[in-house]
């Protein structure tokens, strides 16, 4: 998955009208809620075959930190 694909997927999960660039702080979005958390967990499971725990997301502050969790599974 490319960085752009990741950002587009996250935009859909959070149901945003704006385009994400990757350096946003997640808590700045009202849409970053429990449903978005579940969507991200699902995305990681389906797209990256990575089982994240909900507690992992509690420490994540930015979209960049989310991408770091995916590691080398996100390309430029």
N, C-alpha and C. Protein backbone atom coordinates (compact mmCIF):
# COMPACT_ATOMS: atom_id res chain seq x y z
N UNK A 1 0.85 -1.16 0.00
CA UNK A 1 0.00 0.00 0.00
C UNK A 1 0.90 1.23 0.00
N UNK A 2 0.53 2.22 -0.79
CA UNK A 2 1.30 3.45 -0.81
C UNK A 2 0.83 4.39 0.31
N UNK A 3 1.64 5.38 0.59
CA UNK A 3 1.28 6.38 1.59
C UNK A 3 -0.04 7.07 1.21
N UNK A 4 -0.17 7.37 -0.07
CA UNK A 4 -1.39 8.02 -0.55
C UNK A 4 -2.61 7.12 -0.33
N UNK A 5 -2.47 5.83 -0.63
CA UNK A 5 -3.56 4.87 -0.41
C UNK A 5 -3.93 4.80 1.07
N UNK A 6 -2.90 4.79 1.93
CA UNK A 6 -3.14 4.74 3.36
C UNK A 6 -3.94 5.97 3.81
N UNK A 7 -3.51 7.14 3.36
CA UNK A 7 -4.20 8.38 3.74
C UNK A 7 -5.63 8.42 3.20
N UNK A 8 -5.82 7.92 1.99
CA UNK A 8 -7.18 7.85 1.43
C UNK A 8 -8.07 6.90 2.23
N UNK A 9 -7.51 5.76 2.61
CA UNK A 9 -8.27 4.79 3.41
C UNK A 9 -8.63 5.39 4.77
N UNK A 10 -7.68 6.07 5.39
CA UNK A 10 -7.94 6.69 6.68
C UNK A 10 -8.98 7.80 6.55
N UNK A 11 -8.94 8.54 5.46
CA UNK A 11 -9.94 9.57 5.19
C UNK A 11 -11.33 8.96 5.12
N UNK A 12 -11.44 7.82 4.46
CA UNK A 12 -12.74 7.13 4.36
C UNK A 12 -13.18 6.59 5.72
N UNK A 13 -12.26 6.00 6.46
CA UNK A 13 -12.60 5.45 7.77
C UNK A 13 -13.14 6.54 8.68
N UNK A 14 -12.49 7.70 8.65
CA UNK A 14 -12.90 8.81 9.52
C UNK A 14 -14.01 9.65 8.91
N UNK A 15 -14.38 9.34 7.68
CA UNK A 15 -15.44 10.05 6.96
C UNK A 15 -15.18 11.56 6.90
N UNK A 16 -13.96 11.89 6.46
CA UNK A 16 -13.54 13.28 6.36
C UNK A 16 -13.81 13.82 4.96
N UNK A 17 -14.02 15.13 4.90
CA UNK A 17 -14.16 15.80 3.61
C UNK A 17 -12.83 16.35 3.12
N UNK A 18 -11.89 16.51 4.03
CA UNK A 18 -10.59 17.09 3.68
C UNK A 18 -9.59 16.01 3.33
N UNK A 19 -8.55 16.42 2.64
CA UNK A 19 -7.49 15.50 2.24
C UNK A 19 -6.42 15.50 3.33
N UNK A 20 -6.05 14.33 3.80
CA UNK A 20 -5.01 14.21 4.81
C UNK A 20 -3.64 14.22 4.15
N UNK A 21 -2.66 14.83 4.85
CA UNK A 21 -1.30 14.84 4.31
C UNK A 21 -0.34 13.99 5.14
N UNK A 22 -0.76 13.61 6.36
CA UNK A 22 0.03 12.67 7.14
C UNK A 22 0.60 13.21 8.43
N UNK A 23 0.68 14.53 8.58
CA UNK A 23 1.27 15.06 9.81
C UNK A 23 0.23 15.59 10.80
N UNK A 24 -1.03 15.29 10.53
CA UNK A 24 -2.11 15.76 11.39
C UNK A 24 -2.10 15.05 12.74
N UNK A 25 -2.58 15.75 13.75
CA UNK A 25 -2.76 15.17 15.08
C UNK A 25 -4.16 14.58 15.13
N UNK A 26 -4.25 13.30 15.44
CA UNK A 26 -5.53 12.60 15.39
C UNK A 26 -6.56 13.18 16.34
N UNK A 27 -6.15 13.59 17.52
CA UNK A 27 -7.10 14.13 18.50
C UNK A 27 -7.71 15.46 18.07
N UNK A 28 -7.14 16.09 17.04
CA UNK A 28 -7.70 17.33 16.51
C UNK A 28 -8.99 17.08 15.72
N UNK A 29 -9.26 15.83 15.39
CA UNK A 29 -10.44 15.47 14.61
C UNK A 29 -11.53 14.92 15.52
N UNK A 30 -12.71 15.49 15.44
CA UNK A 30 -13.85 14.93 16.17
C UNK A 30 -14.14 13.52 15.70
N UNK A 31 -13.80 13.23 14.44
CA UNK A 31 -14.07 11.93 13.84
C UNK A 31 -13.15 10.83 14.35
N UNK A 32 -12.09 11.19 15.08
CA UNK A 32 -11.19 10.18 15.64
C UNK A 32 -11.83 9.68 16.93
N UNK A 33 -12.71 8.71 16.74
CA UNK A 33 -13.50 8.18 17.86
C UNK A 33 -13.39 6.66 17.87
N UNK A 34 -14.20 6.03 18.69
CA UNK A 34 -14.12 4.57 18.82
C UNK A 34 -14.42 3.85 17.51
N UNK A 35 -15.31 4.40 16.72
CA UNK A 35 -15.62 3.76 15.42
C UNK A 35 -14.43 3.88 14.47
N UNK A 36 -13.77 5.02 14.47
CA UNK A 36 -12.58 5.18 13.64
C UNK A 36 -11.47 4.24 14.11
N UNK A 37 -11.35 4.09 15.42
CA UNK A 37 -10.35 3.16 15.97
C UNK A 37 -10.61 1.75 15.47
N UNK A 38 -11.86 1.32 15.50
CA UNK A 38 -12.20 -0.01 15.01
C UNK A 38 -11.91 -0.14 13.52
N UNK A 39 -12.18 0.91 12.77
CA UNK A 39 -11.89 0.91 11.34
C UNK A 39 -10.40 0.77 11.07
N UNK A 40 -9.59 1.46 11.85
CA UNK A 40 -8.13 1.36 11.70
C UNK A 40 -7.65 -0.04 12.07
N UNK A 41 -8.17 -0.58 13.15
CA UNK A 41 -7.80 -1.95 13.53
C UNK A 41 -8.14 -2.93 12.41
N UNK A 42 -9.31 -2.75 11.81
CA UNK A 42 -9.74 -3.60 10.71
C UNK A 42 -8.83 -3.43 9.49
N UNK A 43 -8.48 -2.17 9.18
CA UNK A 43 -7.60 -1.90 8.04
C UNK A 43 -6.26 -2.59 8.24
N UNK A 44 -5.69 -2.48 9.43
CA UNK A 44 -4.40 -3.12 9.70
C UNK A 44 -4.50 -4.63 9.57
N UNK A 45 -5.61 -5.19 10.02
CA UNK A 45 -5.80 -6.63 9.92
C UNK A 45 -5.91 -7.06 8.46
N UNK A 46 -6.74 -6.37 7.69
CA UNK A 46 -7.00 -6.76 6.30
C UNK A 46 -5.83 -6.41 5.37
N UNK A 47 -5.35 -5.18 5.46
CA UNK A 47 -4.34 -4.71 4.51
C UNK A 47 -2.92 -5.15 4.85
N UNK A 48 -2.62 -5.25 6.16
CA UNK A 48 -1.24 -5.51 6.57
C UNK A 48 -1.07 -6.83 7.32
N UNK A 49 -2.16 -7.57 7.50
CA UNK A 49 -2.13 -8.82 8.27
C UNK A 49 -1.46 -8.61 9.63
N UNK A 50 -1.81 -7.48 10.25
CA UNK A 50 -1.27 -7.11 11.55
C UNK A 50 -2.41 -6.95 12.53
N UNK A 51 -2.34 -7.68 13.62
CA UNK A 51 -3.37 -7.57 14.64
C UNK A 51 -2.95 -6.57 15.70
N UNK A 52 -3.48 -5.36 15.60
CA UNK A 52 -3.22 -4.34 16.61
C UNK A 52 -4.22 -4.49 17.74
N UNK A 53 -3.81 -4.12 18.91
CA UNK A 53 -4.70 -4.07 20.05
C UNK A 53 -5.22 -2.63 20.18
N UNK A 54 -6.42 -2.48 20.69
CA UNK A 54 -7.00 -1.15 20.86
C UNK A 54 -6.10 -0.28 21.74
N UNK A 55 -5.42 -0.90 22.70
CA UNK A 55 -4.51 -0.14 23.57
C UNK A 55 -3.35 0.47 22.79
N UNK A 56 -2.97 -0.15 21.68
CA UNK A 56 -1.90 0.39 20.85
C UNK A 56 -2.29 1.75 20.28
N UNK A 57 -3.56 1.90 19.95
CA UNK A 57 -4.02 3.15 19.36
C UNK A 57 -4.12 4.28 20.38
N UNK A 58 -4.24 3.95 21.65
CA UNK A 58 -4.35 4.98 22.68
C UNK A 58 -3.10 5.84 22.78
N UNK A 59 -1.96 5.26 22.42
CA UNK A 59 -0.69 5.98 22.52
C UNK A 59 -0.34 6.71 21.22
N UNK A 60 -1.08 6.48 20.17
CA UNK A 60 -0.82 7.10 18.87
C UNK A 60 -1.38 8.52 18.86
N UNK A 61 -0.54 9.47 18.51
CA UNK A 61 -0.97 10.87 18.50
C UNK A 61 -1.14 11.43 17.08
N UNK A 62 -0.36 10.94 16.13
CA UNK A 62 -0.40 11.50 14.78
C UNK A 62 -0.61 10.40 13.73
N UNK A 63 -0.98 10.84 12.56
CA UNK A 63 -1.14 9.91 11.44
C UNK A 63 0.21 9.29 11.08
N UNK A 64 1.26 10.07 11.18
CA UNK A 64 2.60 9.55 10.91
C UNK A 64 2.92 8.37 11.82
N UNK A 65 2.54 8.47 13.09
CA UNK A 65 2.77 7.37 14.03
C UNK A 65 1.98 6.12 13.63
N UNK A 66 0.79 6.33 13.08
CA UNK A 66 0.01 5.19 12.58
C UNK A 66 0.75 4.50 11.43
N UNK A 67 1.32 5.31 10.54
CA UNK A 67 2.04 4.74 9.40
C UNK A 67 3.28 3.99 9.86
N UNK A 68 3.92 4.46 10.91
CA UNK A 68 5.10 3.78 11.45
C UNK A 68 4.71 2.38 11.94
N UNK A 69 3.51 2.25 12.50
CA UNK A 69 3.05 0.93 12.95
C UNK A 69 2.97 -0.06 11.81
N UNK A 70 2.66 0.45 10.62
CA UNK A 70 2.56 -0.44 9.45
C UNK A 70 3.94 -0.83 8.93
N UNK A 71 4.95 -0.08 9.33
CA UNK A 71 6.33 -0.39 8.94
C UNK A 71 6.55 -0.32 7.44
N UNK A 72 7.25 -1.32 6.94
CA UNK A 72 7.64 -1.31 5.52
C UNK A 72 6.49 -1.74 4.61
N UNK A 73 5.31 -1.90 5.17
CA UNK A 73 4.15 -2.27 4.35
C UNK A 73 3.53 -1.05 3.66
N UNK A 74 4.05 0.14 3.98
CA UNK A 74 3.63 1.36 3.31
C UNK A 74 4.83 1.88 2.53
N UNK A 75 4.61 2.11 1.26
CA UNK A 75 5.68 2.64 0.41
C UNK A 75 5.33 4.06 -0.03
N UNK A 76 6.34 4.76 -0.52
CA UNK A 76 6.10 6.13 -1.01
C UNK A 76 5.40 6.05 -2.30
